[in-house]
Amino acid sequence: MGDSDQPPRSRPTGLIVVGVALVLALCCCCLGLVIGLYFGKGGAMLADTFATNVPSIGAPAPTPTLDKNAPVPAKKPGRMENGLELTVVGLQRPLKVQGTIQIPADQQLILVTVKIRNTQSTGAPLKVTASEFTLKGDGGLTYPPNPKTVTIPNLLTELNLAPGKETEAELIFQIAADDSGLRLQWKSGTQTRVFLLE
């Protein structure tokens, strides 16, 4: 008899079924061990290990600590340690003035509008004066506020803000016309903050 007369060999299906059963049993044992540890005394340890090694899904990201010395962008509030908060709300460069004010050709006036708020809910009013402000540019020069030759109705000279109150005021600076990267510096108490204008 030739090879064609032999009965077909059966495939080892029994071995495959046994292998799958062993894998399932192993998975069930591992799952049982994890559940037992979680609900038993090792649950806290297992949860801590899981939490540190697997990032939380949908959990809020931690809020970064703000750097109190970082420059404050225009239109963003910057708070001082004493509870005062300042926001640069406008910059007019150059400031056009009327009358007989003479300004050298290489200089110009600028107007900075600020909003100042007392964020405290109680306590005495907080004082703000124009002398607390200076302006610096990339040219390295420092400019004092409010030249005596120019006056405007809302010019910041001195104010006292009661808790929870805010006001807008303006500062004028006479600067070099080609200066750039202008930054308003505010020194209140022992703290100085820098506010970007450009």
Protein backbone atom coordinates (compact mmCIF):
# COMPACT_ATOMS: atom_id res chain seq x y z
CA MET A 1 0.00 0.00 0.00
CA GLY A 2 1.22 3.45 -0.85
CA ASP A 3 1.32 6.58 1.25
CA SER A 4 -2.06 7.64 -0.09
CA ASP A 5 -3.71 4.70 1.63
CA GLN A 6 -2.70 5.84 5.20
CA PRO A 7 -5.37 7.51 7.32
CA PRO A 8 -4.86 11.29 7.80
CA ARG A 9 -3.00 12.30 10.94
CA SER A 10 -4.96 14.24 13.54
CA ARG A 11 -3.69 17.70 14.50
CA PRO A 12 -2.61 18.23 18.07
CA THR A 13 -5.75 20.22 18.97
CA GLY A 14 -5.66 18.83 22.45
CA LEU A 15 -2.30 20.50 23.13
CA ILE A 16 -3.60 23.88 21.92
CA VAL A 17 -6.66 23.66 24.17
CA VAL A 18 -4.48 22.76 27.18
CA GLY A 19 -2.08 25.66 26.42
CA VAL A 20 -4.91 28.20 26.20
CA ALA A 21 -6.40 26.88 29.43
CA LEU A 22 -3.03 27.25 31.22
CA VAL A 23 -2.64 30.85 29.99
CA LEU A 24 -6.19 31.72 31.15
CA ALA A 25 -5.58 30.12 34.54
CA LEU A 26 -2.36 32.09 34.96
CA CYS A 27 -4.12 35.36 34.06
CA CYS A 28 -6.93 34.61 36.53
CA CYS A 29 -4.40 33.89 39.28
CA CYS A 30 -2.60 37.19 38.63
CA LEU A 31 -5.89 39.10 38.58
CA GLY A 32 -6.95 37.45 41.82
CA LEU A 33 -3.62 38.37 43.43
CA VAL A 34 -3.95 42.02 42.35
CA ILE A 35 -7.54 42.24 43.63
CA GLY A 36 -6.58 40.57 46.88
CA LEU A 37 -3.68 42.98 47.44
CA TYR A 38 -5.80 45.99 46.55
CA PHE A 39 -8.59 45.17 48.99
CA GLY A 40 -6.27 43.70 51.59
CA LYS A 41 -3.51 45.31 53.61
CA GLY A 42 -1.32 45.79 50.55
CA GLY A 43 -3.98 47.89 48.79
CA ALA A 44 -2.54 51.23 49.80
CA MET A 45 0.95 50.17 48.78
CA LEU A 46 -0.30 48.83 45.45
CA ALA A 47 -2.36 51.97 44.80
CA ASP A 48 0.62 54.21 45.59
CA THR A 49 2.88 52.20 43.31
CA PHE A 50 0.31 52.33 40.54
CA ALA A 51 -0.27 56.07 41.00
CA THR A 52 3.43 56.92 40.86
CA ASN A 53 4.17 54.76 37.83
CA VAL A 54 1.05 55.41 35.74
CA PRO A 55 0.06 59.01 34.94
CA SER A 56 -3.46 59.96 35.94
CA ILE A 57 -5.88 60.20 33.08
CA GLY A 58 -8.22 63.15 33.25
CA ALA A 59 -6.71 64.42 36.50
CA PRO A 60 -5.97 68.16 36.67
CA ALA A 61 -2.37 69.12 36.03
CA PRO A 62 -0.55 70.70 38.96
CA THR A 63 -0.55 74.50 38.92
CA PRO A 64 2.98 75.88 38.54
CA THR A 65 4.19 78.33 41.17
CA LEU A 66 4.31 81.82 39.72
CA ASP A 67 7.64 83.59 39.78
CA LYS A 68 7.07 86.89 41.60
CA ASN A 69 10.12 88.38 39.89
CA ALA A 70 9.22 87.42 36.32
CA PRO A 71 8.34 90.30 33.97
CA VAL A 72 4.59 90.83 33.64
CA PRO A 73 3.23 90.99 30.06
CA ALA A 74 1.10 93.97 29.01
CA LYS A 75 -2.61 93.61 29.85
CA LYS A 76 -1.81 91.02 32.56
CA PRO A 77 -2.03 91.85 36.29
CA GLY A 78 1.05 91.76 38.48
CA ARG A 79 0.56 91.59 42.23
CA MET A 80 2.85 93.00 44.88
CA GLU A 81 3.42 91.43 48.29
CA ASN A 82 1.59 94.32 49.99
CA GLY A 83 -1.66 93.47 48.13
CA LEU A 84 -1.51 96.09 45.38
CA GLU A 85 -1.99 94.87 41.82
CA LEU A 86 -1.08 96.71 38.64
CA THR A 87 -2.06 96.10 35.03
CA VAL A 88 -0.65 98.08 32.09
CA VAL A 89 -3.79 98.72 30.04
CA GLY A 90 -2.43 101.11 27.42
CA LEU A 91 0.63 102.63 25.77
CA GLN A 92 0.55 105.69 23.53
CA ARG A 93 3.83 106.20 21.69
CA PRO A 94 4.50 108.94 20.79
CA LEU A 95 2.18 111.10 22.87
CA LYS A 96 1.05 114.09 20.84
CA VAL A 97 0.86 117.23 22.95
CA GLN A 98 -0.60 120.64 22.21
CA GLY A 99 0.81 123.99 23.14
CA THR A 100 4.31 125.36 23.23
CA ILE A 101 6.09 122.31 24.65
CA GLN A 102 9.46 121.90 23.00
CA ILE A 103 10.92 118.39 22.81
CA PRO A 104 14.33 117.67 21.23
CA ALA A 105 14.12 115.91 17.86
CA ASP A 106 15.79 112.76 19.23
CA GLN A 107 13.26 112.43 22.10
CA GLN A 108 9.56 111.76 22.46
CA LEU A 109 6.85 111.60 25.10
CA ILE A 110 4.96 108.40 25.82
CA LEU A 111 1.83 107.84 27.88
CA VAL A 112 1.40 104.68 29.96
CA THR A 113 -2.08 103.93 31.31
CA VAL A 114 -2.20 101.66 34.37
CA LYS A 115 -4.96 100.12 36.43
CA ILE A 116 -4.10 99.77 40.10
CA ARG A 117 -6.17 97.68 42.49
CA ASN A 118 -6.03 97.06 46.22
CA THR A 119 -6.70 93.32 46.48
CA GLN A 120 -6.99 93.36 50.28
CA SER A 121 -10.48 92.95 51.75
CA THR A 122 -9.69 94.76 55.01
CA GLY A 123 -7.14 97.14 56.43
CA ALA A 124 -5.94 100.66 55.78
CA PRO A 125 -5.79 102.24 52.31
CA LEU A 126 -2.58 101.58 50.38
CA LYS A 127 -0.61 104.50 48.98
CA VAL A 128 0.81 104.72 45.45
CA THR A 129 2.98 107.60 44.20
CA ALA A 130 4.46 108.42 40.80
CA SER A 131 7.97 108.36 42.29
CA GLU A 132 7.65 104.56 42.67
CA PHE A 133 7.78 104.19 38.87
CA THR A 134 10.64 104.36 36.38
CA LEU A 135 10.94 103.35 32.75
CA LYS A 136 13.86 101.44 31.21
CA GLY A 137 14.64 100.47 27.66
CA ASP A 138 17.12 98.28 25.84
CA GLY A 139 19.33 101.35 25.42
CA GLY A 140 20.18 101.15 29.14
CA LEU A 141 18.70 104.53 30.07
CA THR A 142 16.32 105.01 33.01
CA TYR A 143 13.53 107.59 32.68
CA PRO A 144 11.68 109.24 35.59
CA PRO A 145 7.90 109.79 35.33
CA ASN A 146 5.90 112.92 34.68
CA PRO A 147 8.15 115.65 33.27
CA LYS A 148 7.12 119.02 34.69
CA THR A 149 6.50 120.46 31.23
CA VAL A 150 3.41 118.30 30.60
CA THR A 151 0.27 117.93 32.68
CA ILE A 152 -2.90 115.96 31.97
CA PRO A 153 -6.10 115.50 33.99
CA ASN A 154 -5.60 111.83 34.98
CA LEU A 155 -1.88 112.06 35.76
CA LEU A 156 -0.75 109.77 38.59
CA THR A 157 0.85 111.83 41.33
CA GLU A 158 -0.31 110.22 44.57
CA LEU A 159 -3.34 108.15 45.48
CA ASN A 160 -4.66 106.07 48.38
CA LEU A 161 -6.66 102.96 47.49
CA ALA A 162 -9.07 101.53 50.03
CA PRO A 163 -9.42 97.72 50.25
CA GLY A 164 -11.25 96.29 47.23
CA LYS A 165 -11.00 99.54 45.22
CA GLU A 166 -9.28 100.17 41.89
CA THR A 167 -8.51 103.11 39.67
CA GLU A 168 -6.92 103.97 36.34
CA ALA A 169 -4.18 106.57 36.10
CA GLU A 170 -1.58 107.71 33.59
CA LEU A 171 2.16 108.24 33.64
CA ILE A 172 4.15 110.29 31.11
CA PHE A 173 7.79 109.62 30.27
CA GLN A 174 10.18 111.59 28.06
CA ILE A 175 12.41 109.02 26.35
CA ALA A 176 14.95 108.64 23.56
CA ALA A 177 12.97 108.28 20.35
CA ASP A 178 14.96 105.23 19.22
CA ASP A 179 14.78 103.33 22.53
CA SER A 180 12.99 99.99 22.40
CA GLY A 181 12.05 97.10 24.66
CA LEU A 182 10.42 99.47 27.11
CA ARG A 183 9.74 98.14 30.62
CA LEU A 184 7.88 99.87 33.43
CA GLN A 185 9.48 99.24 36.83
CA TRP A 186 7.38 99.62 39.97
CA LYS A 187 9.06 99.65 43.37
CA SER A 188 6.54 99.31 46.19
CA GLY A 189 8.03 98.75 49.62
CA THR A 190 11.00 96.41 49.21
CA GLN A 191 9.68 94.69 46.08
CA THR A 192 10.25 95.75 42.47
CA ARG A 193 8.20 94.34 39.59
CA VAL A 194 8.80 94.79 35.87
CA PHE A 195 5.92 95.26 33.42
CA LEU A 196 6.56 94.82 29.71
CA LEU A 197 5.25 97.61 27.49
CA GLU A 198 6.42 96.40 24.06
